[in-house]
Amino acid sequence: MLSASPDAPVANETVTLVATVASSVSTEAPSGTITFKNRGDTIQGCDGMSVSPTGQSVTVVCQTSFGASTAVLRAVFTPDPGSTVAGSRSATDSLQVGQDASVISLTTSKSVRPGASTTLTATVTPASSGPGPIQPSGTIEFLDGDQPIASCLGQGLVNGGATCTATFTMAGTHSITASYSGDDNFTGSISSAHAVRVVPAVRGTISSTMQWSFAYTPSYTKILTLVVNGAPAGSTVLVKCVGQGCPYVRHATAVRAQSRCGGKGKRSCSADPSLNLRRGFEQRLLLPGTTITVMISRPGWIGKRYTFGIRARRGPRIRISCVAPGGTRPGVGC
């Protein structure tokens, strides 16, 4: 007689095989060996297991595992020479072994410079059965957002893992995931997302300052002065206005170098030391809740951001923060 448990294992999960051989005569004890077979082939580690003559029936246990398939099991009793108990074999027992789920982990750099290469590493492990003789096979694909990374398509698994070298040229945050295709023994899976920030090398910090003055009433505010001082050549001053009374939604000014320096006037020097941003706001009445943002940025430099929140009966709420090179979120990465 043969039994197997559990009755619905997955690939690599431990399966316990139990075979019992019994003599038809109470005074005769079986002796010999039992071999467990799957589809006629001997199961490794379950071959020639000793049956000691301890009574009319003897039970032998063997533990093994299978790949995802239908296992057709049988136990074969081979008696010792001179044994009075004849050899026998059990009826076949079909065991359906399913795919195990998989878990994929991903390792990336947290930040990288534009144009610099970085290594992405993914590892696939069985979800429930744990490590076993059958390792996941197939391929891993690395994605940036929902788009495959061209240099990382169809990376074959080696010892349960795959690596890829990627290069990001655009500054910003990239959401990287790894997707496993699955195989006959393991279902596919996708990793959690990892954020990789592509941060330009910092060449300097913008030291520009601003001057401002406002006239305010219970119902509106007027801008009297709004000036940027010392914006460096090559920078951009971006003004955004959201709310009632705005003359525009956004207005950008590129700051260019001046062609005069001292008395010679030939070589390139610093930009004009002041930039008047009040133009357009002269006759505007800004209602409470309106927000004006001034951002001074320059490629590769840490920029500055000024936010003016218009309020009733008092001056605007003013916030000053840094902005990372290529970034837009104040105070992040700078």
Protein backbone atom coordinates (compact mmCIF):
# COMPACT_ATOMS: atom_id res chain seq x y z
CA MET A 1 0.00 0.00 0.00
CA LEU A 2 1.28 3.48 -0.92
CA SER A 3 0.25 6.98 0.19
CA ALA A 4 1.66 10.48 -0.38
CA SER A 5 1.18 13.73 1.52
CA PRO A 6 0.39 16.54 1.14
CA ASP A 7 -2.14 15.72 -1.52
CA ALA A 8 -1.65 18.98 -3.50
CA PRO A 9 2.03 19.98 -3.24
CA VAL A 10 3.84 22.58 -5.34
CA ALA A 11 7.23 22.31 -7.03
CA ASN A 12 10.07 21.70 -4.55
CA GLU A 13 7.70 21.18 -1.63
CA THR A 14 8.58 18.21 0.56
CA VAL A 15 6.38 15.18 -0.15
CA THR A 16 6.26 12.27 2.29
CA LEU A 17 5.86 8.84 0.69
CA VAL A 18 4.67 5.98 2.92
CA ALA A 19 4.69 2.34 1.78
CA THR A 20 3.48 -0.63 3.83
CA VAL A 21 4.25 -4.24 2.92
CA ALA A 22 2.40 -7.01 4.73
CA SER A 23 2.62 -10.79 4.81
CA SER A 24 -0.53 -12.85 4.35
CA VAL A 25 0.71 -15.22 7.06
CA SER A 26 1.02 -13.89 10.59
CA THR A 27 4.09 -15.98 11.34
CA GLU A 28 6.05 -14.72 8.31
CA ALA A 29 7.69 -11.25 8.44
CA PRO A 30 8.65 -9.38 5.26
CA SER A 31 12.33 -8.66 4.74
CA GLY A 32 14.03 -7.02 1.78
CA THR A 33 13.86 -3.53 0.25
CA ILE A 34 11.28 -1.06 -1.02
CA THR A 35 11.96 1.28 -3.93
CA PHE A 36 9.73 4.24 -4.77
CA LYS A 37 9.22 5.05 -8.43
CA ASN A 38 7.73 7.89 -10.46
CA ARG A 39 6.51 6.92 -13.93
CA GLY A 40 8.70 3.86 -13.75
CA ASP A 41 11.87 5.73 -12.84
CA THR A 42 13.48 5.29 -9.45
CA ILE A 43 13.09 8.36 -7.22
CA GLN A 44 16.49 9.57 -6.10
CA GLY A 45 17.04 8.97 -2.40
CA CYS A 46 14.15 6.49 -2.22
CA ASP A 47 15.90 3.48 -3.72
CA GLY A 48 16.40 0.14 -1.95
CA MET A 49 15.10 1.20 1.44
CA SER A 50 15.54 -1.62 3.93
CA VAL A 51 12.55 -3.60 5.19
CA SER A 52 13.46 -5.26 8.50
CA PRO A 53 11.51 -8.33 9.55
CA THR A 54 9.84 -6.91 12.66
CA GLY A 55 6.30 -8.19 12.20
CA GLN A 56 3.59 -9.22 9.79
CA SER A 57 3.61 -5.71 8.23
CA VAL A 58 6.39 -3.14 7.87
CA THR A 59 6.12 0.56 6.93
CA VAL A 60 8.84 2.52 5.12
CA VAL A 61 8.89 6.31 4.79
CA CYS A 62 10.80 8.46 2.28
CA GLN A 63 10.73 12.23 1.72
CA THR A 64 11.30 13.79 -1.68
CA SER A 65 10.04 16.59 -3.92
CA PHE A 66 8.91 16.98 -7.52
CA GLY A 67 8.66 19.51 -10.29
CA ALA A 68 5.26 20.77 -11.38
CA SER A 69 3.65 17.82 -13.18
CA THR A 70 1.47 14.79 -12.56
CA ALA A 71 3.61 12.29 -10.64
CA VAL A 72 2.60 8.64 -11.11
CA LEU A 73 3.89 6.89 -7.99
CA ARG A 74 4.43 3.26 -7.15
CA ALA A 75 6.25 1.33 -4.40
CA VAL A 76 8.05 -1.93 -5.29
CA PHE A 77 8.94 -4.53 -2.64
CA THR A 78 11.91 -6.78 -3.42
CA PRO A 79 12.31 -9.67 -0.92
CA ASP A 80 15.63 -10.86 0.41
CA PRO A 81 16.92 -14.20 -0.97
CA GLY A 82 15.26 -17.04 0.92
CA SER A 83 12.39 -14.84 2.13
CA THR A 84 9.09 -16.64 2.40
CA VAL A 85 7.23 -13.42 1.52
CA ALA A 86 6.99 -12.86 -2.24
CA GLY A 87 7.81 -9.58 -3.93
CA SER A 88 5.00 -7.19 -4.78
CA ARG A 89 4.20 -3.69 -6.03
CA SER A 90 1.55 -1.20 -5.00
CA ALA A 91 -1.15 0.25 -7.14
CA THR A 92 -0.16 3.53 -8.78
CA ASP A 93 -1.02 6.77 -7.02
CA SER A 94 -1.30 9.97 -9.10
CA LEU A 95 -0.13 13.16 -7.42
CA GLN A 96 -0.77 16.54 -9.02
CA VAL A 97 2.16 18.86 -8.33
CA GLY A 98 1.41 22.51 -9.07
CA GLN A 99 3.54 25.56 -9.86
CA ASP A 100 4.88 27.45 -6.90
CA ALA A 101 4.53 31.23 -6.79
CA SER A 102 7.69 33.30 -7.07
CA VAL A 103 9.02 36.37 -5.33
CA ILE A 104 11.36 38.76 -7.11
CA SER A 105 13.59 41.20 -5.25
CA LEU A 106 15.35 44.13 -6.89
CA THR A 107 18.49 46.04 -5.96
CA THR A 108 19.34 49.41 -7.53
CA SER A 109 21.38 52.50 -6.84
CA LYS A 110 19.43 55.25 -5.10
CA SER A 111 20.98 57.97 -7.24
CA VAL A 112 23.16 58.27 -10.33
CA ARG A 113 24.59 61.02 -12.50
CA PRO A 114 23.15 61.60 -16.00
CA GLY A 115 24.97 59.44 -18.54
CA ALA A 116 26.61 57.25 -15.90
CA SER A 117 25.88 53.53 -15.94
CA THR A 118 24.32 51.73 -12.99
CA THR A 119 23.71 48.03 -12.28
CA LEU A 120 20.24 46.62 -11.71
CA THR A 121 20.10 43.24 -9.94
CA ALA A 122 17.05 41.00 -9.57
CA THR A 123 16.75 37.72 -7.66
CA VAL A 124 13.88 35.21 -7.95
CA THR A 125 13.02 32.85 -5.10
CA PRO A 126 10.15 30.37 -4.60
CA ALA A 127 7.37 31.90 -2.54
CA SER A 128 6.19 28.98 -0.41
CA SER A 129 8.33 25.88 -0.88
CA GLY A 130 11.64 27.57 -0.25
CA PRO A 131 14.98 26.58 -1.82
CA GLY A 132 15.02 23.19 -3.47
CA PRO A 133 16.67 21.18 -6.23
CA ILE A 134 14.61 22.98 -8.89
CA GLN A 135 15.63 26.59 -9.44
CA PRO A 136 13.54 29.17 -11.27
CA SER A 137 14.47 29.57 -14.92
CA GLY A 138 13.27 31.90 -17.66
CA THR A 139 13.94 35.60 -18.12
CA ILE A 140 13.71 38.91 -16.29
CA GLU A 141 12.79 42.22 -17.88
CA PHE A 142 13.66 45.54 -16.26
CA LEU A 143 11.27 48.45 -16.70
CA ASP A 144 11.43 52.21 -16.19
CA GLY A 145 7.87 53.10 -15.26
CA ASP A 146 5.82 50.96 -17.66
CA GLN A 147 8.44 51.04 -20.43
CA PRO A 148 11.04 48.27 -20.89
CA ILE A 149 14.65 49.42 -20.60
CA ALA A 150 16.14 48.75 -24.03
CA SER A 151 19.46 47.43 -22.71
CA CYS A 152 17.74 45.13 -20.20
CA LEU A 153 15.34 43.05 -22.31
CA GLY A 154 15.03 39.30 -21.70
CA GLN A 155 17.86 38.84 -19.21
CA GLY A 156 18.24 35.09 -18.59
CA LEU A 157 18.27 33.80 -15.01
CA VAL A 158 21.58 32.41 -13.77
CA ASN A 159 21.45 30.77 -10.32
CA GLY A 160 18.14 32.49 -9.70
CA GLY A 161 19.31 35.99 -10.57
CA ALA A 162 19.90 38.43 -13.40
CA THR A 163 21.81 41.69 -13.70
CA CYS A 164 21.67 44.51 -16.20
CA THR A 165 23.59 47.72 -16.81
CA ALA A 166 21.44 50.76 -17.56
CA THR A 167 22.22 54.38 -18.38
CA PHE A 168 19.81 57.22 -17.66
CA THR A 169 20.30 60.50 -19.48
CA MET A 170 17.30 62.46 -18.23
CA ALA A 171 17.43 64.06 -14.80
CA GLY A 172 14.59 63.21 -12.45
CA THR A 173 13.25 60.20 -10.58
CA HIS A 174 12.86 56.88 -12.41
CA SER A 175 10.58 54.15 -11.05
CA ILE A 176 12.37 50.84 -11.74
CA THR A 177 10.77 47.40 -11.52
CA ALA A 178 11.80 43.89 -12.54
CA SER A 179 9.34 41.43 -14.12
CA TYR A 180 9.91 37.66 -14.08
CA SER A 181 8.41 35.64 -16.94
CA GLY A 182 7.83 32.43 -14.96
CA ASP A 183 8.51 28.86 -16.16
CA ASP A 184 6.99 25.39 -15.92
CA ASN A 185 7.57 25.23 -12.16
CA PHE A 186 7.10 28.81 -11.00
CA THR A 187 4.60 31.51 -11.81
CA GLY A 188 5.73 34.96 -12.96
CA SER A 189 6.00 37.93 -10.63
CA ILE A 190 6.96 41.60 -10.53
CA SER A 191 9.08 43.38 -7.96
CA SER A 192 8.17 46.41 -5.93
CA ALA A 193 9.24 49.69 -7.50
CA HIS A 194 12.59 51.24 -6.66
CA ALA A 195 13.19 54.96 -7.13
CA VAL A 196 16.42 55.87 -8.90
CA ARG A 197 17.13 59.59 -8.88
CA VAL A 198 19.21 60.90 -11.76
CA VAL A 199 20.89 63.95 -10.29
CA PRO A 200 23.15 66.27 -12.29
CA ALA A 201 26.50 67.10 -10.77
CA VAL A 202 26.19 70.26 -8.69
CA ARG A 203 28.29 73.07 -10.16
CA GLY A 204 27.31 75.67 -7.62
CA THR A 205 24.54 77.33 -5.63
CA ILE A 206 22.60 80.34 -6.85
CA SER A 207 23.09 83.18 -4.36
CA SER A 208 20.62 85.64 -5.88
CA THR A 209 18.40 87.61 -3.51
CA MET A 210 15.04 89.32 -3.83
CA GLN A 211 13.50 92.58 -2.67
CA TRP A 212 9.77 93.04 -2.26
CA SER A 213 7.17 95.33 -0.80
CA PHE A 214 3.38 95.11 -0.75
CA ALA A 215 0.38 97.29 0.01
CA TYR A 216 -2.47 95.27 1.49
CA THR A 217 -6.08 95.88 2.49
CA PRO A 218 -8.83 93.63 3.90
CA SER A 219 -9.84 92.63 0.35
CA TYR A 220 -6.76 92.78 -1.89
CA THR A 221 -2.97 93.19 -2.11
CA LYS A 222 -0.87 95.23 -4.56
CA ILE A 223 2.77 94.61 -5.42
CA LEU A 224 4.91 97.71 -4.99
CA THR A 225 8.35 96.12 -5.46
CA LEU A 226 9.39 92.71 -6.76
CA VAL A 227 13.03 92.55 -7.84
CA VAL A 228 15.61 89.77 -8.28
CA ASN A 229 19.18 90.83 -7.53
CA GLY A 230 22.29 89.20 -8.94
CA ALA A 231 20.72 86.46 -11.09
CA PRO A 232 23.73 84.76 -12.77
CA ALA A 233 24.19 84.64 -16.52
CA GLY A 234 22.71 81.48 -17.97
CA SER A 235 19.97 81.29 -15.37
CA THR A 236 16.21 81.48 -15.86
CA VAL A 237 13.81 83.41 -13.67
CA LEU A 238 10.36 81.82 -13.81
CA VAL A 239 7.35 83.61 -12.33
CA LYS A 240 4.09 81.72 -11.79
CA CYS A 241 0.84 83.24 -10.61
CA VAL A 242 -2.22 81.26 -9.56
CA GLY A 243 -5.42 82.93 -8.36
CA GLN A 244 -7.52 86.03 -8.89
CA GLY A 245 -5.76 89.15 -10.14
CA CYS A 246 -2.87 87.40 -11.90
CA PRO A 247 -1.69 89.09 -15.14
CA TYR A 248 -0.45 85.73 -16.47
CA VAL A 249 -0.04 82.11 -15.45
CA ARG A 250 3.69 81.91 -16.05
CA HIS A 251 6.44 84.09 -17.43
CA ALA A 252 10.08 83.09 -17.93
CA THR A 253 13.08 85.39 -18.40
CA ALA A 254 16.46 84.09 -19.61
CA VAL A 255 19.32 85.97 -17.97
CA ARG A 256 22.12 86.71 -20.43
CA ALA A 257 25.67 87.86 -19.77
CA GLN A 258 26.49 91.53 -20.40
CA SER A 259 29.21 92.45 -22.88
CA ARG A 260 30.65 95.23 -20.81
CA CYS A 261 33.10 94.90 -17.95
CA GLY A 262 34.81 97.87 -16.36
CA GLY A 263 36.04 100.34 -18.99
CA LYS A 264 37.05 97.83 -21.66
CA GLY A 265 33.63 96.46 -22.51
CA LYS A 266 34.76 93.45 -24.54
CA ARG A 267 34.78 90.37 -22.35
CA SER A 268 31.71 88.61 -20.93
CA CYS A 269 30.85 89.55 -17.34
CA SER A 270 28.06 89.03 -14.82
CA ALA A 271 24.46 89.66 -15.71
CA ASP A 272 22.53 92.79 -14.88
CA PRO A 273 22.41 92.87 -11.06
CA SER A 274 18.66 93.45 -10.88
CA LEU A 275 15.57 92.14 -12.69
CA ASN A 276 12.25 93.92 -12.17
CA LEU A 277 9.38 91.40 -11.93
CA ARG A 278 6.66 93.94 -11.14
CA ARG A 279 5.88 94.58 -14.80
CA GLY A 280 2.36 93.39 -15.49
CA PHE A 281 1.39 93.55 -11.81
CA GLU A 282 1.28 97.39 -11.59
CA GLN A 283 -2.50 97.75 -11.79
CA ARG A 284 -3.40 94.29 -10.54
CA LEU A 285 -5.37 93.68 -7.35
CA LEU A 286 -4.39 90.29 -5.96
CA LEU A 287 -7.14 88.63 -3.94
CA PRO A 288 -6.50 86.49 -0.85
CA GLY A 289 -5.59 82.93 -1.80
CA THR A 290 -3.51 83.98 -4.81
CA THR A 291 0.02 82.51 -4.92
CA ILE A 292 3.04 83.95 -6.70
CA THR A 293 6.11 81.73 -7.15
CA VAL A 294 9.52 82.97 -8.33
CA MET A 295 12.07 80.28 -9.19
CA ILE A 296 15.66 81.08 -10.16
CA SER A 297 17.33 78.09 -11.84
CA ARG A 298 20.47 77.29 -13.80
CA PRO A 299 21.53 73.95 -15.32
CA GLY A 300 23.68 72.03 -12.83
CA TRP A 301 23.16 74.59 -10.05
CA ILE A 302 21.11 74.52 -6.88
CA GLY A 303 18.38 77.07 -7.45
CA LYS A 304 16.16 79.22 -5.23
CA ARG A 305 12.42 79.42 -4.94
CA TYR A 306 10.33 82.20 -3.36
CA THR A 307 6.62 81.69 -2.67
CA PHE A 308 4.30 84.58 -1.78
CA GLY A 309 0.89 83.56 -0.45
CA ILE A 310 -1.52 86.53 -0.58
CA ARG A 311 -3.57 87.04 2.62
CA ALA A 312 -6.23 89.50 3.77
CA ARG A 313 -5.35 92.37 6.10
CA ARG A 314 -1.66 91.49 6.29
CA GLY A 315 1.38 90.91 4.17
CA PRO A 316 1.88 87.73 2.13
CA ARG A 317 3.16 84.54 3.72
CA ILE A 318 6.68 84.15 2.30
CA ARG A 319 8.61 80.91 1.98
CA ILE A 320 12.17 80.57 0.65
CA SER A 321 13.58 77.18 -0.32
CA CYS A 322 16.27 75.55 -2.45
CA VAL A 323 15.63 73.51 -5.60
CA ALA A 324 17.93 70.66 -6.69
CA PRO A 325 19.50 70.82 -10.18
CA GLY A 326 16.90 69.69 -12.68
CA GLY A 327 14.30 69.37 -9.91
CA THR A 328 10.99 71.11 -9.30
CA ARG A 329 10.12 70.16 -5.72
CA PRO A 330 11.38 72.70 -3.19
CA GLY A 331 13.78 71.43 -0.55
CA VAL A 332 14.15 67.96 -2.09
CA GLY A 333 17.67 66.80 -2.94
CA CYS A 334 19.39 70.12 -2.25
